[in-house]
N, C-alpha and C. Protein backbone atom coordinates (compact mmCIF):
# COMPACT_ATOMS: atom_id res chain seq x y z
N UNK A 1 -2.81 -5.77 -31.05
CA UNK A 1 -2.86 -5.03 -31.76
C UNK A 1 -3.13 -3.68 -32.27
N UNK A 2 -4.29 -3.05 -31.39
CA UNK A 2 -4.55 -1.67 -31.07
C UNK A 2 -3.28 -0.78 -30.82
N UNK A 3 -2.32 -1.43 -29.52
CA UNK A 3 -0.99 -0.57 -29.25
C UNK A 3 -0.37 -0.57 -30.66
N UNK A 4 -0.21 -1.77 -31.31
CA UNK A 4 0.48 -1.78 -32.87
C UNK A 4 -0.01 -0.69 -33.29
N UNK A 5 -1.00 -0.52 -33.57
CA UNK A 5 -1.94 0.50 -34.76
C UNK A 5 -1.53 1.83 -34.08
N UNK A 6 -1.55 1.97 -32.93
CA UNK A 6 -1.34 3.38 -32.36
C UNK A 6 0.15 3.63 -32.36
N UNK A 7 0.96 2.70 -32.51
CA UNK A 7 2.00 3.31 -32.29
C UNK A 7 2.69 3.80 -33.73
N UNK A 8 2.14 2.69 -34.65
CA UNK A 8 2.39 3.08 -36.01
C UNK A 8 1.65 4.33 -36.31
N UNK A 9 0.66 5.02 -36.14
CA UNK A 9 -0.06 6.19 -36.41
C UNK A 9 0.65 7.33 -35.66
N UNK A 10 1.10 6.91 -34.63
CA UNK A 10 2.26 7.55 -34.09
C UNK A 10 3.47 8.46 -34.79
N UNK A 11 4.07 7.39 -35.40
CA UNK A 11 5.05 7.33 -35.83
C UNK A 11 5.08 7.91 -37.23
N UNK A 12 3.93 7.55 -38.12
CA UNK A 12 3.53 8.45 -39.18
C UNK A 12 3.25 9.49 -39.01
N UNK A 13 2.25 10.03 -38.00
CA UNK A 13 1.97 11.34 -37.51
C UNK A 13 3.35 12.43 -37.37
N UNK A 14 4.44 11.87 -36.60
CA UNK A 14 5.39 12.74 -36.26
C UNK A 14 6.34 12.53 -37.40
N UNK A 15 6.53 11.72 -38.35
CA UNK A 15 6.73 11.92 -39.47
C UNK A 15 6.60 13.02 -40.51
N UNK A 16 5.19 13.15 -40.57
CA UNK A 16 4.54 14.11 -41.21
C UNK A 16 4.31 15.19 -40.55
N UNK A 17 4.40 15.60 -39.01
CA UNK A 17 4.86 16.85 -38.59
C UNK A 17 6.44 17.39 -39.00
N UNK A 18 7.45 16.16 -39.07
CA UNK A 18 8.42 16.68 -39.45
C UNK A 18 8.51 17.81 -40.97
N UNK A 19 8.06 16.39 -41.65
CA UNK A 19 7.93 17.34 -43.04
C UNK A 19 7.03 18.51 -43.09
N UNK A 20 5.98 18.78 -42.56
CA UNK A 20 5.40 19.84 -42.36
C UNK A 20 6.13 21.15 -41.96
N UNK A 21 6.94 20.90 -40.67
CA UNK A 21 7.65 21.66 -40.35
C UNK A 21 8.95 22.46 -41.55
N UNK A 22 9.35 21.08 -41.86
CA UNK A 22 10.42 21.39 -43.16
C UNK A 22 9.97 22.44 -44.22
N UNK A 23 8.48 22.28 -44.35
CA UNK A 23 7.59 22.92 -45.74
C UNK A 23 7.66 24.40 -45.06
N UNK A 24 7.64 24.54 -43.76
CA UNK A 24 7.48 25.75 -43.58
C UNK A 24 8.49 26.35 -44.14
N UNK A 25 9.94 26.08 -44.31
CA UNK A 25 11.35 26.54 -44.67
C UNK A 25 11.58 26.51 -46.06
N UNK A 26 10.88 25.23 -46.79
CA UNK A 26 11.31 24.61 -48.25
C UNK A 26 10.19 24.82 -48.66
N UNK A 27 9.83 25.70 -49.89
CA UNK A 27 8.73 26.22 -50.17
C UNK A 27 8.39 25.08 -51.33
N UNK A 28 9.19 23.89 -51.77
CA UNK A 28 8.49 22.74 -51.85
C UNK A 28 8.20 21.58 -51.85
N UNK A 29 8.09 21.65 -50.59
CA UNK A 29 7.25 20.47 -49.42
C UNK A 29 6.00 21.46 -49.23
N UNK A 30 4.53 21.15 -49.09
CA UNK A 30 3.85 21.46 -48.93
C UNK A 30 3.30 21.42 -47.40
N UNK A 31 3.05 22.36 -46.35
CA UNK A 31 3.09 22.20 -45.39
C UNK A 31 1.70 21.78 -44.68
N UNK A 32 0.69 22.41 -44.88
CA UNK A 32 -0.87 21.86 -44.61
C UNK A 32 -1.20 20.75 -45.42
N UNK A 33 -0.71 19.89 -46.26
CA UNK A 33 -1.04 18.03 -45.87
C UNK A 33 -0.46 17.91 -45.45
N UNK A 34 0.83 18.16 -44.66
CA UNK A 34 1.63 17.00 -43.61
C UNK A 34 1.10 17.26 -42.51
N UNK A 35 0.51 18.79 -42.00
CA UNK A 35 -0.11 18.90 -40.46
C UNK A 35 -1.38 18.03 -40.93
N UNK A 36 -2.10 18.00 -41.69
CA UNK A 36 -3.24 17.44 -41.74
C UNK A 36 -2.83 15.78 -41.53
N UNK A 37 -2.32 15.34 -42.41
CA UNK A 37 -2.40 13.93 -41.93
C UNK A 37 -1.67 13.46 -40.68
N UNK A 38 -0.51 14.37 -40.10
CA UNK A 38 -0.41 14.47 -38.40
C UNK A 38 -1.70 14.47 -37.67
N UNK A 39 -2.10 15.35 -37.70
CA UNK A 39 -3.32 15.43 -36.87
C UNK A 39 -4.42 14.57 -37.52
N UNK A 40 -4.42 13.93 -38.29
CA UNK A 40 -5.54 12.58 -38.91
C UNK A 40 -4.76 11.87 -38.01
N UNK A 41 -3.25 11.47 -37.98
CA UNK A 41 -3.35 10.21 -37.06
C UNK A 41 -3.00 10.31 -35.96
N UNK A 42 -2.83 11.51 -35.09
CA UNK A 42 -3.18 11.81 -34.02
C UNK A 42 -4.45 11.76 -32.87
N UNK A 43 -5.23 12.19 -34.24
CA UNK A 43 -6.60 12.21 -33.80
C UNK A 43 -6.91 10.51 -33.05
N UNK A 44 -6.56 9.49 -33.84
CA UNK A 44 -6.68 8.34 -33.56
C UNK A 44 -5.69 7.45 -32.72
N UNK A 45 -4.76 8.31 -32.66
CA UNK A 45 -3.60 7.31 -31.72
C UNK A 45 -3.66 7.73 -30.53
N UNK A 46 -3.44 9.24 -30.24
CA UNK A 46 -2.98 9.80 -29.44
C UNK A 46 -4.07 11.62 -28.97
N UNK A 47 -4.85 11.44 -28.54
CA UNK A 47 -5.50 12.54 -27.74
C UNK A 47 -4.79 13.78 -27.40
N UNK A 48 -3.74 13.31 -26.98
CA UNK A 48 -2.77 14.52 -25.95
C UNK A 48 -2.07 15.06 -27.36
N UNK A 49 -1.21 13.76 -27.65
CA UNK A 49 -0.64 14.62 -29.05
C UNK A 49 -1.82 15.91 -29.71
N UNK A 50 -2.77 15.12 -30.28
CA UNK A 50 -3.99 15.92 -31.18
C UNK A 50 -3.84 16.95 -30.62
N UNK A 51 -4.23 17.26 -29.32
CA UNK A 51 -4.51 18.86 -28.53
C UNK A 51 -3.39 19.48 -28.80
N UNK A 52 -2.30 18.73 -28.93
CA UNK A 52 -1.37 19.70 -28.65
C UNK A 52 -0.79 20.12 -29.75
N UNK A 53 -1.15 19.64 -31.16
CA UNK A 53 -0.97 20.14 -32.32
C UNK A 53 -2.12 21.34 -32.80
N UNK A 54 -2.98 20.62 -32.35
CA UNK A 54 -4.29 21.76 -32.71
C UNK A 54 -4.25 23.14 -32.12
N UNK A 55 -3.37 23.16 -30.91
CA UNK A 55 -3.45 24.50 -29.81
C UNK A 55 -2.34 24.77 -30.06
N UNK A 56 -1.06 24.49 -31.04
CA UNK A 56 0.44 25.06 -31.24
C UNK A 56 0.20 26.14 -32.09
N UNK A 57 0.99 27.05 -31.43
CA UNK A 57 0.78 28.77 -31.97
C UNK A 57 1.44 28.50 -33.32
N UNK A 58 1.96 27.81 -33.87
CA UNK A 58 3.13 27.84 -35.03
C UNK A 58 1.88 26.48 -36.01
N UNK A 59 1.48 25.76 -35.46
CA UNK A 59 1.01 25.14 -36.40
C UNK A 59 -0.99 25.06 -36.52
N UNK A 60 -1.34 24.98 -35.15
CA UNK A 60 -2.42 24.71 -34.83
C UNK A 60 -3.57 25.73 -35.78
N UNK A 61 -3.19 26.79 -36.24
CA UNK A 61 -3.71 27.64 -37.26
C UNK A 61 -4.18 27.12 -38.73
N UNK A 62 -2.79 26.54 -39.12
CA UNK A 62 -3.05 25.78 -40.49
C UNK A 62 -4.35 24.65 -40.52
N UNK A 63 -4.31 24.12 -39.65
CA UNK A 63 -5.50 22.85 -39.35
C UNK A 63 -6.33 23.49 -39.30
N UNK A 64 -6.54 24.32 -38.29
CA UNK A 64 -7.66 25.21 -37.73
C UNK A 64 -8.58 25.69 -39.18
N UNK A 65 -7.81 26.52 -39.94
CA UNK A 65 -8.31 27.17 -40.76
C UNK A 65 -8.93 26.54 -41.86
N UNK A 66 -7.78 25.41 -42.29
CA UNK A 66 -8.10 24.68 -43.40
C UNK A 66 -9.64 23.74 -42.81
N UNK A 67 -9.51 23.31 -41.67
CA UNK A 67 -10.79 22.72 -41.73
C UNK A 67 -11.79 23.22 -41.70
N UNK A 68 -11.57 24.62 -41.16
CA UNK A 68 -12.87 25.19 -41.34
C UNK A 68 -13.01 26.24 -42.63
N UNK A 69 -12.21 25.88 -43.26
CA UNK A 69 -12.22 26.50 -44.70
C UNK A 69 -12.46 28.32 -44.80
N UNK A 70 -11.28 28.59 -43.82
CA UNK A 70 -11.29 30.06 -44.21
C UNK A 70 -10.26 30.36 -44.85
N UNK A 71 -9.36 29.47 -45.34
CA UNK A 71 -8.39 30.19 -46.52
C UNK A 71 -7.07 30.52 -45.62
N UNK A 72 -6.35 31.39 -46.57
CA UNK A 72 -4.85 31.52 -46.53
C UNK A 72 -4.47 32.79 -46.34
N UNK A 73 -3.96 33.38 -45.09
CA UNK A 73 -4.04 35.17 -44.43
C UNK A 73 -2.96 35.59 -45.73
N UNK A 74 -3.36 36.53 -46.29
CA UNK A 74 -2.70 37.23 -47.72
C UNK A 74 -1.13 37.16 -47.16
N UNK A 75 -0.62 37.41 -46.31
CA UNK A 75 0.39 37.71 -45.70
C UNK A 75 1.43 36.53 -45.85
N UNK A 76 0.57 35.47 -45.87
CA UNK A 76 1.37 33.92 -45.78
C UNK A 76 1.26 33.58 -47.34
N UNK A 77 0.16 34.19 -48.37
CA UNK A 77 0.44 33.99 -49.82
C UNK A 77 1.69 34.86 -50.31
N UNK A 78 1.73 36.03 -49.91
CA UNK A 78 2.60 36.48 -50.28
C UNK A 78 3.97 35.98 -49.66
N UNK A 79 4.33 35.56 -48.68
CA UNK A 79 5.72 34.97 -48.64
C UNK A 79 5.72 34.13 -49.18
N UNK A 80 4.86 33.21 -48.88
CA UNK A 80 5.00 31.69 -49.84
C UNK A 80 5.07 32.01 -51.22
N UNK A 81 4.81 32.76 -51.72
CA UNK A 81 4.99 32.68 -53.22
C UNK A 81 6.09 33.41 -53.32
N UNK A 82 6.62 34.50 -52.72
CA UNK A 82 8.19 35.46 -53.02
C UNK A 82 9.20 33.90 -52.48
N UNK A 83 8.64 33.24 -51.64
CA UNK A 83 9.96 32.48 -51.00
C UNK A 83 10.11 30.97 -52.19
N UNK A 84 8.73 30.80 -53.09
CA UNK A 84 9.20 29.38 -53.83
C UNK A 84 9.66 29.93 -55.14
N UNK A 85 9.17 31.33 -55.44
CA UNK A 85 9.98 31.77 -56.55
C UNK A 85 11.72 32.34 -56.30
N UNK A 86 11.91 32.84 -55.07
CA UNK A 86 13.28 33.12 -55.13
C UNK A 86 13.96 31.77 -54.62
N UNK A 87 13.64 30.78 -54.24
CA UNK A 87 14.04 29.56 -54.42
C UNK A 87 14.37 28.57 -55.16
N UNK A 88 13.33 28.93 -56.22
CA UNK A 88 13.31 27.96 -57.29
C UNK A 88 14.28 28.52 -58.33
N UNK A 89 14.03 29.94 -58.33
CA UNK A 89 15.05 30.48 -59.94
C UNK A 89 16.51 30.65 -58.91
N UNK A 90 16.66 30.45 -58.05
CA UNK A 90 18.10 30.41 -57.65
C UNK A 90 18.67 29.36 -58.47
N UNK A 91 17.54 27.92 -57.86
CA UNK A 91 18.12 26.86 -57.74
C UNK A 91 18.30 26.57 -59.60
N UNK A 92 17.27 26.76 -60.17
CA UNK A 92 17.24 26.65 -61.62
C UNK A 92 18.20 27.30 -62.48
N UNK A 93 18.46 28.21 -62.08
CA UNK A 93 19.28 28.91 -62.49
C UNK A 93 21.11 29.00 -62.51
N UNK A 94 21.26 28.99 -60.91
CA UNK A 94 22.56 28.58 -60.37
C UNK A 94 23.02 26.91 -60.05
N UNK A 95 22.06 26.50 -59.52
CA UNK A 95 22.50 25.13 -58.77
C UNK A 95 22.34 23.97 -59.75
N UNK A 96 21.27 23.72 -60.41
CA UNK A 96 20.75 22.92 -61.45
C UNK A 96 21.22 23.18 -62.84
N UNK A 97 22.18 21.60 -63.23
CA UNK A 97 22.53 22.22 -64.85
C UNK A 97 21.64 21.91 -65.71
N UNK A 98 20.78 20.75 -65.41
CA UNK A 98 20.44 20.09 -66.53
C UNK A 98 18.64 20.75 -66.97
N UNK A 99 18.90 21.54 -68.32
CA UNK A 99 17.93 22.27 -68.66
C UNK A 99 16.51 21.41 -68.59
N UNK A 100 16.35 20.22 -68.67
CA UNK A 100 14.81 19.68 -68.56
C UNK A 100 14.14 19.56 -66.97
N UNK A 101 15.35 19.40 -65.84
CA UNK A 101 15.26 19.60 -64.65
C UNK A 101 14.51 21.07 -64.23
N UNK A 102 15.26 21.89 -64.89
CA UNK A 102 15.05 23.40 -64.65
C UNK A 102 13.74 23.79 -65.16
N UNK A 103 13.20 23.43 -66.16
CA UNK A 103 12.12 23.64 -66.68
C UNK A 103 10.85 22.87 -65.75
N UNK A 104 11.01 21.64 -65.60
CA UNK A 104 10.33 21.09 -64.63
C UNK A 104 10.04 21.48 -63.24
N UNK A 105 11.05 22.13 -62.78
CA UNK A 105 10.99 23.17 -61.63
C UNK A 105 10.29 24.27 -61.35
N UNK A 106 10.53 25.00 -63.00
CA UNK A 106 9.43 26.18 -62.88
C UNK A 106 8.35 25.52 -63.43
N UNK A 107 7.96 24.36 -63.77
CA UNK A 107 6.60 23.79 -64.05
C UNK A 107 5.61 23.77 -62.72
N UNK A 108 6.44 23.18 -61.39
CA UNK A 108 5.73 23.00 -60.47
C UNK A 108 5.98 24.01 -60.00
N UNK A 109 6.75 25.31 -59.79
CA UNK A 109 6.50 26.35 -59.07
C UNK A 109 5.09 27.15 -59.75
N UNK A 110 5.10 26.74 -61.03
CA UNK A 110 3.70 27.48 -61.67
C UNK A 110 2.45 27.02 -60.86
N UNK A 111 2.65 25.46 -60.77
CA UNK A 111 1.33 24.70 -60.08
C UNK A 111 1.10 25.17 -58.69
N UNK A 112 2.40 25.58 -57.82
CA UNK A 112 2.06 25.81 -56.51
C UNK A 112 2.03 27.08 -56.06
N UNK A 113 2.34 27.82 -57.03
CA UNK A 113 1.85 29.50 -57.13
C UNK A 113 0.43 29.42 -57.32
N UNK A 114 -0.07 28.51 -58.35
CA UNK A 114 -1.43 28.50 -58.95
C UNK A 114 -2.53 28.06 -57.53
N UNK A 115 -2.36 26.83 -57.20
CA UNK A 115 -2.50 26.57 -56.04
C UNK A 115 -2.72 27.38 -54.57
N UNK A 116 -1.89 27.93 -54.52
CA UNK A 116 -2.12 28.87 -53.39
C UNK A 116 -2.42 30.28 -53.56
N UNK A 117 -2.35 30.57 -54.80
CA UNK A 117 -2.99 31.99 -55.23
C UNK A 117 -4.77 31.97 -55.27
N UNK A 118 -5.06 30.70 -55.70
CA UNK A 118 -6.38 30.08 -56.02
C UNK A 118 -7.28 29.62 -54.51
N UNK A 119 -6.16 29.60 -53.48
CA UNK A 119 -6.66 29.13 -52.28
C UNK A 119 -7.63 30.46 -51.78
N UNK A 120 -8.76 30.37 -50.64
CA UNK A 120 -9.50 31.65 -50.38
C UNK A 120 -8.55 32.57 -49.76
N UNK A 121 -8.29 33.56 -49.60
CA UNK A 121 -7.80 34.68 -48.63
C UNK A 121 -8.55 34.77 -47.26
N UNK A 122 -7.86 34.43 -46.18
CA UNK A 122 -8.19 34.28 -44.73
C UNK A 122 -8.33 35.95 -44.42
N UNK A 123 -9.59 36.40 -44.00
CA UNK A 123 -9.86 37.62 -44.08
C UNK A 123 -9.82 37.61 -42.52
N UNK A 124 -9.51 39.14 -41.64
CA UNK A 124 -8.87 39.26 -40.94
C UNK A 124 -10.51 39.50 -39.57
């Protein structure tokens, strides 16, 4: 039974990691929550995967900074909000034909902008 639970946690952790990686590129998918879920799954199932994740040069910082309450670097905030609005505006006005979906997309972008900007800015 323990092997089954570990296997399920590794699968969920891996899927969360993949979604977190996708979230780095696609602004509507949150990166940090998926990386935190992956870390939680890996810490309970595989110390090797957990150690790899938190020491990874691309992903480890997200987890460590969040865990320690340090915040988000200013550069990441600027890039995140810029990418978010660029993709939302392009999608809403050039791809999505339904007005209600456009409005929903803009509201989601407003929420994530507020969330990103309300987080503490990581100092150097």
